[in-house]
Amino acid sequence: MDNLSLIKSTYEGANSQENARNTAAALADDVRWTEAAGFPYAGTYVGFDAIVENVFKRLATEWEGFQLKIQDYVAQGDKVFAYGNYSGIYKATGRPMNARVAHLWTIANGKVTHFEQFVDSHIVQRAIVDK
């Protein structure tokens, strides 16, 4: 599978469970996953279990209808860039958000070694902060 197809498989499965399985299969054991500064789950997590615990579980429990819609991809060499929009309603405040986002994936030997998120975290924070 080429790099672009590998990354597309993490977003374009039949459902979120298939995307999760494909993501788990795509990641190197020591993958470094970085959520952007200012994003509520900011930090770098190493390995799939740490990513699930610190990012995916929180997205699933703290947001209603959280989703990512990919607009397009750019692939070159060992990098794949996916960009689109996050949307959802933060449960604690009831506030919606729709934020522009990009993900940069680095692949070596058919496995993702690095992931970095770029997001308009101000829009996300406005949904989270209780005024």
N, C-alpha and C. Protein backbone atom coordinates (compact mmCIF):
# COMPACT_ATOMS: atom_id res chain seq x y z
N MET A 1 0.85 -1.18 0.00
CA MET A 1 0.00 0.00 0.00
C MET A 1 0.90 1.24 0.00
N ASP A 2 0.60 2.20 -0.87
CA ASP A 2 1.40 3.42 -0.89
C ASP A 2 1.02 4.32 0.29
N ASN A 3 1.84 5.34 0.55
CA ASN A 3 1.64 6.20 1.72
C ASN A 3 0.29 6.90 1.72
N LEU A 4 -0.12 7.42 0.57
CA LEU A 4 -1.40 8.12 0.50
C LEU A 4 -2.55 7.16 0.80
N SER A 5 -2.53 5.98 0.25
CA SER A 5 -3.59 4.99 0.52
C SER A 5 -3.61 4.59 1.98
N LEU A 6 -2.44 4.45 2.59
CA LEU A 6 -2.36 4.11 4.00
C LEU A 6 -3.08 5.17 4.85
N ILE A 7 -2.78 6.43 4.60
CA ILE A 7 -3.38 7.50 5.40
C ILE A 7 -4.87 7.65 5.08
N LYS A 8 -5.24 7.55 3.83
CA LYS A 8 -6.67 7.61 3.49
C LYS A 8 -7.45 6.53 4.23
N SER A 9 -6.85 5.37 4.44
CA SER A 9 -7.55 4.28 5.12
C SER A 9 -7.89 4.63 6.57
N THR A 10 -7.17 5.57 7.17
CA THR A 10 -7.44 5.96 8.55
C THR A 10 -8.61 6.92 8.67
N TYR A 11 -9.01 7.52 7.56
CA TYR A 11 -10.11 8.49 7.54
C TYR A 11 -11.35 7.99 6.80
N GLU A 12 -11.18 7.13 5.82
CA GLU A 12 -12.24 6.84 4.87
C GLU A 12 -12.84 5.45 5.00
N GLY A 13 -12.77 4.87 6.19
CA GLY A 13 -13.40 3.57 6.41
C GLY A 13 -14.92 3.69 6.41
N ALA A 14 -15.59 2.57 6.48
CA ALA A 14 -17.05 2.54 6.46
C ALA A 14 -17.64 3.17 7.73
N ASN A 15 -16.87 3.17 8.84
CA ASN A 15 -17.36 3.74 10.10
C ASN A 15 -16.16 4.06 10.99
N SER A 16 -16.41 4.66 12.14
CA SER A 16 -15.31 5.07 13.03
C SER A 16 -14.55 3.86 13.57
N GLN A 17 -15.21 2.73 13.76
CA GLN A 17 -14.52 1.53 14.23
C GLN A 17 -13.50 1.04 13.20
N GLU A 18 -13.90 1.06 11.93
CA GLU A 18 -12.97 0.65 10.88
C GLU A 18 -11.80 1.63 10.80
N ASN A 19 -12.07 2.93 10.92
CA ASN A 19 -10.99 3.92 10.92
C ASN A 19 -10.03 3.68 12.09
N ALA A 20 -10.57 3.35 13.26
CA ALA A 20 -9.73 3.09 14.43
C ALA A 20 -8.85 1.86 14.19
N ARG A 21 -9.43 0.80 13.64
CA ARG A 21 -8.64 -0.41 13.33
C ARG A 21 -7.54 -0.10 12.32
N ASN A 22 -7.89 0.66 11.29
CA ASN A 22 -6.92 1.01 10.26
C ASN A 22 -5.82 1.90 10.83
N THR A 23 -6.19 2.82 11.72
CA THR A 23 -5.19 3.69 12.34
C THR A 23 -4.25 2.86 13.20
N ALA A 24 -4.79 1.98 14.03
CA ALA A 24 -3.95 1.13 14.88
C ALA A 24 -2.98 0.32 14.03
N ALA A 25 -3.45 -0.21 12.92
CA ALA A 25 -2.60 -1.03 12.05
C ALA A 25 -1.54 -0.20 11.33
N ALA A 26 -1.83 1.07 11.08
CA ALA A 26 -0.91 1.93 10.33
C ALA A 26 0.24 2.46 11.18
N LEU A 27 0.06 2.50 12.50
CA LEU A 27 1.04 3.15 13.38
C LEU A 27 2.19 2.23 13.76
N ALA A 28 3.39 2.79 13.74
CA ALA A 28 4.55 2.09 14.30
C ALA A 28 4.34 1.98 15.81
N ASP A 29 4.95 0.99 16.43
CA ASP A 29 4.79 0.79 17.88
C ASP A 29 5.19 2.03 18.68
N ASP A 30 6.22 2.73 18.20
CA ASP A 30 6.73 3.90 18.92
C ASP A 30 6.36 5.23 18.24
N VAL A 31 5.23 5.23 17.55
CA VAL A 31 4.77 6.44 16.87
C VAL A 31 4.72 7.61 17.85
N ARG A 32 5.10 8.79 17.36
CA ARG A 32 5.01 10.02 18.16
C ARG A 32 3.86 10.84 17.58
N TRP A 33 2.83 11.08 18.40
CA TRP A 33 1.58 11.73 17.99
C TRP A 33 1.49 13.06 18.72
N THR A 34 1.52 14.16 17.98
CA THR A 34 1.52 15.49 18.60
C THR A 34 0.23 16.24 18.30
N GLU A 35 -0.48 16.57 19.37
CA GLU A 35 -1.66 17.44 19.30
C GLU A 35 -1.18 18.87 19.52
N ALA A 36 -1.71 19.81 18.76
CA ALA A 36 -1.24 21.20 18.73
C ALA A 36 -1.36 21.91 20.08
N ALA A 37 -0.41 22.80 20.32
CA ALA A 37 -0.48 23.68 21.49
C ALA A 37 -1.77 24.49 21.40
N GLY A 38 -2.45 24.63 22.52
CA GLY A 38 -3.72 25.35 22.54
C GLY A 38 -4.92 24.45 22.34
N PHE A 39 -4.72 23.27 21.75
CA PHE A 39 -5.79 22.29 21.62
C PHE A 39 -5.99 21.64 22.98
N PRO A 40 -7.22 21.27 23.37
CA PRO A 40 -7.43 20.76 24.72
C PRO A 40 -6.63 19.50 25.07
N TYR A 41 -6.16 18.76 24.08
CA TYR A 41 -5.41 17.53 24.33
C TYR A 41 -3.96 17.68 23.91
N ALA A 42 -3.46 18.92 23.95
CA ALA A 42 -2.11 19.25 23.51
C ALA A 42 -1.07 18.37 24.18
N GLY A 43 -0.06 18.02 23.39
CA GLY A 43 1.04 17.23 23.91
C GLY A 43 1.49 16.22 22.88
N THR A 44 2.54 15.50 23.21
CA THR A 44 3.04 14.44 22.35
C THR A 44 2.89 13.12 23.09
N TYR A 45 2.26 12.18 22.44
CA TYR A 45 1.98 10.86 23.02
C TYR A 45 2.72 9.82 22.19
N VAL A 46 3.27 8.83 22.87
CA VAL A 46 4.05 7.79 22.19
C VAL A 46 3.32 6.46 22.33
N GLY A 47 3.01 5.87 21.17
CA GLY A 47 2.34 4.58 21.13
C GLY A 47 0.82 4.71 21.08
N PHE A 48 0.19 3.69 20.49
CA PHE A 48 -1.25 3.71 20.26
C PHE A 48 -2.05 3.82 21.55
N ASP A 49 -1.66 3.08 22.59
CA ASP A 49 -2.42 3.12 23.85
C ASP A 49 -2.45 4.52 24.45
N ALA A 50 -1.33 5.22 24.41
CA ALA A 50 -1.28 6.60 24.94
C ALA A 50 -2.15 7.53 24.10
N ILE A 51 -2.19 7.33 22.80
CA ILE A 51 -3.01 8.16 21.91
C ILE A 51 -4.49 7.92 22.21
N VAL A 52 -4.88 6.67 22.33
CA VAL A 52 -6.27 6.35 22.64
C VAL A 52 -6.69 6.99 23.96
N GLU A 53 -5.87 6.82 24.98
CA GLU A 53 -6.21 7.31 26.32
C GLU A 53 -6.29 8.84 26.39
N ASN A 54 -5.34 9.52 25.76
CA ASN A 54 -5.23 10.96 25.89
C ASN A 54 -5.93 11.77 24.82
N VAL A 55 -6.30 11.13 23.72
CA VAL A 55 -6.95 11.87 22.63
C VAL A 55 -8.30 11.25 22.27
N PHE A 56 -8.29 10.04 21.73
CA PHE A 56 -9.52 9.46 21.18
C PHE A 56 -10.62 9.26 22.21
N LYS A 57 -10.29 8.77 23.40
CA LYS A 57 -11.32 8.57 24.43
C LYS A 57 -11.91 9.90 24.86
N ARG A 58 -11.07 10.91 24.97
CA ARG A 58 -11.58 12.23 25.38
C ARG A 58 -12.46 12.84 24.30
N LEU A 59 -12.07 12.71 23.04
CA LEU A 59 -12.91 13.21 21.96
C LEU A 59 -14.27 12.52 21.99
N ALA A 60 -14.28 11.23 22.24
CA ALA A 60 -15.52 10.46 22.24
C ALA A 60 -16.42 10.79 23.42
N THR A 61 -15.85 11.16 24.55
CA THR A 61 -16.66 11.38 25.75
C THR A 61 -16.96 12.84 26.04
N GLU A 62 -16.11 13.76 25.57
CA GLU A 62 -16.29 15.17 25.89
C GLU A 62 -17.04 15.96 24.84
N TRP A 63 -17.21 15.38 23.66
CA TRP A 63 -17.87 16.06 22.55
C TRP A 63 -19.09 15.27 22.08
N GLU A 64 -20.09 15.98 21.66
CA GLU A 64 -21.24 15.36 21.01
C GLU A 64 -21.08 15.56 19.51
N GLY A 65 -21.14 14.47 18.77
CA GLY A 65 -21.07 14.55 17.31
C GLY A 65 -19.74 15.02 16.78
N PHE A 66 -18.65 14.83 17.53
CA PHE A 66 -17.35 15.26 17.04
C PHE A 66 -17.03 14.52 15.76
N GLN A 67 -16.60 15.28 14.74
CA GLN A 67 -16.19 14.63 13.51
C GLN A 67 -15.14 15.44 12.77
N LEU A 68 -14.44 14.75 11.93
CA LEU A 68 -13.45 15.35 11.05
C LEU A 68 -13.86 15.05 9.63
N LYS A 69 -13.98 16.08 8.84
CA LYS A 69 -14.27 15.91 7.41
C LYS A 69 -13.04 16.36 6.64
N ILE A 70 -12.40 15.41 5.98
CA ILE A 70 -11.20 15.71 5.19
C ILE A 70 -11.64 16.31 3.85
N GLN A 71 -11.02 17.42 3.51
CA GLN A 71 -11.28 18.08 2.23
C GLN A 71 -10.39 17.51 1.13
N ASP A 72 -9.10 17.31 1.48
CA ASP A 72 -8.17 16.81 0.47
C ASP A 72 -6.87 16.36 1.13
N TYR A 73 -6.00 15.80 0.31
CA TYR A 73 -4.70 15.28 0.74
C TYR A 73 -3.62 15.80 -0.19
N VAL A 74 -2.40 15.90 0.35
CA VAL A 74 -1.21 16.17 -0.45
C VAL A 74 -0.17 15.17 0.02
N ALA A 75 0.40 14.44 -0.93
CA ALA A 75 1.41 13.42 -0.59
C ALA A 75 2.69 13.71 -1.37
N GLN A 76 3.81 13.61 -0.65
CA GLN A 76 5.11 13.77 -1.28
C GLN A 76 6.14 13.00 -0.47
N GLY A 77 6.79 12.06 -1.10
CA GLY A 77 7.81 11.29 -0.42
C GLY A 77 7.25 10.56 0.79
N ASP A 78 7.88 10.78 1.95
CA ASP A 78 7.45 10.09 3.17
C ASP A 78 6.40 10.86 3.96
N LYS A 79 5.84 11.93 3.39
CA LYS A 79 4.87 12.78 4.09
C LYS A 79 3.50 12.75 3.38
N VAL A 80 2.45 12.73 4.21
CA VAL A 80 1.09 12.91 3.70
C VAL A 80 0.44 13.97 4.57
N PHE A 81 -0.17 14.93 3.92
CA PHE A 81 -0.82 16.05 4.58
C PHE A 81 -2.31 15.93 4.27
N ALA A 82 -3.14 15.88 5.32
CA ALA A 82 -4.60 15.81 5.15
C ALA A 82 -5.17 17.07 5.80
N TYR A 83 -6.13 17.70 5.12
CA TYR A 83 -6.72 18.91 5.71
C TYR A 83 -8.22 18.95 5.52
N GLY A 84 -8.88 19.64 6.46
CA GLY A 84 -10.33 19.71 6.44
C GLY A 84 -10.85 20.50 7.63
N ASN A 85 -11.95 20.00 8.24
CA ASN A 85 -12.59 20.69 9.36
C ASN A 85 -13.00 19.73 10.46
N TYR A 86 -12.79 20.16 11.71
CA TYR A 86 -13.37 19.51 12.87
C TYR A 86 -14.69 20.19 13.16
N SER A 87 -15.66 19.43 13.67
CA SER A 87 -16.90 20.02 14.15
C SER A 87 -17.43 19.17 15.30
N GLY A 88 -18.26 19.77 16.11
CA GLY A 88 -18.87 19.08 17.23
C GLY A 88 -19.38 20.06 18.25
N ILE A 89 -20.02 19.54 19.27
CA ILE A 89 -20.54 20.35 20.37
C ILE A 89 -19.87 19.87 21.65
N TYR A 90 -19.26 20.81 22.37
CA TYR A 90 -18.61 20.46 23.63
C TYR A 90 -19.70 20.24 24.67
N LYS A 91 -19.77 19.04 25.22
CA LYS A 91 -20.88 18.65 26.11
C LYS A 91 -21.00 19.54 27.34
N ALA A 92 -19.89 19.91 27.97
CA ALA A 92 -19.93 20.67 29.22
C ALA A 92 -20.50 22.06 29.06
N THR A 93 -20.35 22.66 27.86
CA THR A 93 -20.85 24.03 27.65
C THR A 93 -22.02 24.09 26.68
N GLY A 94 -22.19 23.04 25.87
CA GLY A 94 -23.24 23.04 24.85
C GLY A 94 -22.90 23.92 23.66
N ARG A 95 -21.66 24.35 23.56
CA ARG A 95 -21.25 25.24 22.47
C ARG A 95 -20.69 24.44 21.28
N PRO A 96 -21.08 24.83 20.08
CA PRO A 96 -20.56 24.17 18.89
C PRO A 96 -19.23 24.77 18.45
N MET A 97 -18.52 24.03 17.63
CA MET A 97 -17.32 24.57 16.98
C MET A 97 -17.19 23.95 15.60
N ASN A 98 -16.53 24.69 14.74
CA ASN A 98 -16.17 24.23 13.40
C ASN A 98 -14.82 24.86 13.11
N ALA A 99 -13.77 24.07 13.22
CA ALA A 99 -12.41 24.59 13.14
C ALA A 99 -11.64 23.95 11.99
N ARG A 100 -10.87 24.77 11.31
CA ARG A 100 -9.99 24.30 10.25
C ARG A 100 -8.85 23.49 10.87
N VAL A 101 -8.47 22.39 10.21
CA VAL A 101 -7.44 21.50 10.75
C VAL A 101 -6.61 20.90 9.62
N ALA A 102 -5.36 20.57 9.97
CA ALA A 102 -4.49 19.83 9.06
C ALA A 102 -3.72 18.81 9.88
N HIS A 103 -3.48 17.68 9.28
CA HIS A 103 -2.69 16.61 9.90
C HIS A 103 -1.51 16.30 8.98
N LEU A 104 -0.32 16.26 9.56
CA LEU A 104 0.88 15.90 8.82
C LEU A 104 1.36 14.54 9.33
N TRP A 105 1.40 13.57 8.43
CA TRP A 105 1.80 12.21 8.75
C TRP A 105 3.17 11.94 8.11
N THR A 106 4.04 11.26 8.84
CA THR A 106 5.33 10.83 8.31
C THR A 106 5.36 9.30 8.36
N ILE A 107 5.73 8.70 7.24
CA ILE A 107 5.70 7.25 7.10
C ILE A 107 7.09 6.73 6.78
N ALA A 108 7.47 5.62 7.42
CA ALA A 108 8.72 4.93 7.10
C ALA A 108 8.44 3.43 7.11
N ASN A 109 8.89 2.75 6.09
CA ASN A 109 8.72 1.29 5.98
C ASN A 109 7.26 0.86 6.15
N GLY A 110 6.34 1.63 5.58
CA GLY A 110 4.93 1.27 5.60
C GLY A 110 4.20 1.54 6.90
N LYS A 111 4.83 2.24 7.85
CA LYS A 111 4.21 2.54 9.15
C LYS A 111 4.35 4.03 9.45
N VAL A 112 3.34 4.58 10.12
CA VAL A 112 3.38 5.98 10.54
C VAL A 112 4.32 6.09 11.73
N THR A 113 5.31 6.96 11.60
CA THR A 113 6.26 7.18 12.68
C THR A 113 5.98 8.48 13.44
N HIS A 114 5.36 9.44 12.75
CA HIS A 114 5.04 10.73 13.37
C HIS A 114 3.71 11.25 12.82
N PHE A 115 2.98 11.91 13.71
CA PHE A 115 1.73 12.59 13.35
C PHE A 115 1.79 13.95 14.03
N GLU A 116 1.43 15.00 13.31
CA GLU A 116 1.34 16.32 13.92
C GLU A 116 0.07 17.01 13.47
N GLN A 117 -0.65 17.55 14.45
CA GLN A 117 -1.91 18.25 14.21
C GLN A 117 -1.66 19.76 14.18
N PHE A 118 -2.30 20.44 13.24
CA PHE A 118 -2.33 21.89 13.16
C PHE A 118 -3.80 22.28 13.14
N VAL A 119 -4.23 23.14 14.07
CA VAL A 119 -5.65 23.44 14.18
C VAL A 119 -5.84 24.87 14.67
N ASP A 120 -6.94 25.47 14.27
CA ASP A 120 -7.32 26.78 14.81
C ASP A 120 -7.86 26.55 16.22
N SER A 121 -6.94 26.46 17.18
CA SER A 121 -7.32 26.09 18.54
C SER A 121 -8.16 27.16 19.23
N HIS A 122 -8.08 28.40 18.78
CA HIS A 122 -8.90 29.46 19.38
C HIS A 122 -10.39 29.14 19.23
N ILE A 123 -10.78 28.66 18.07
CA ILE A 123 -12.18 28.30 17.83
C ILE A 123 -12.58 27.15 18.74
N VAL A 124 -11.71 26.17 18.90
CA VAL A 124 -11.99 25.03 19.77
C VAL A 124 -12.12 25.51 21.23
N GLN A 125 -11.20 26.35 21.66
CA GLN A 125 -11.23 26.85 23.03
C GLN A 125 -12.49 27.66 23.32
N ARG A 126 -12.99 28.40 22.36
CA ARG A 126 -14.22 29.17 22.55
C ARG A 126 -15.40 28.25 22.86
N ALA A 127 -15.41 27.06 22.30
CA ALA A 127 -16.49 26.10 22.59
C ALA A 127 -16.34 25.50 23.98
N ILE A 128 -15.12 25.41 24.46
CA ILE A 128 -14.85 24.74 25.75
C ILE A 128 -15.00 25.66 26.94
N VAL A 129 -14.55 26.89 26.79
CA VAL A 129 -14.52 27.82 27.93
C VAL A 129 -15.94 28.29 28.26
N ASP A 130 -16.28 28.14 29.51
CA ASP A 130 -17.60 28.58 29.98
C ASP A 130 -17.51 30.07 30.31
N LYS A 131 -18.29 30.87 29.60
CA LYS A 131 -18.24 32.33 29.82
C LYS A 131 -19.06 32.75 31.00
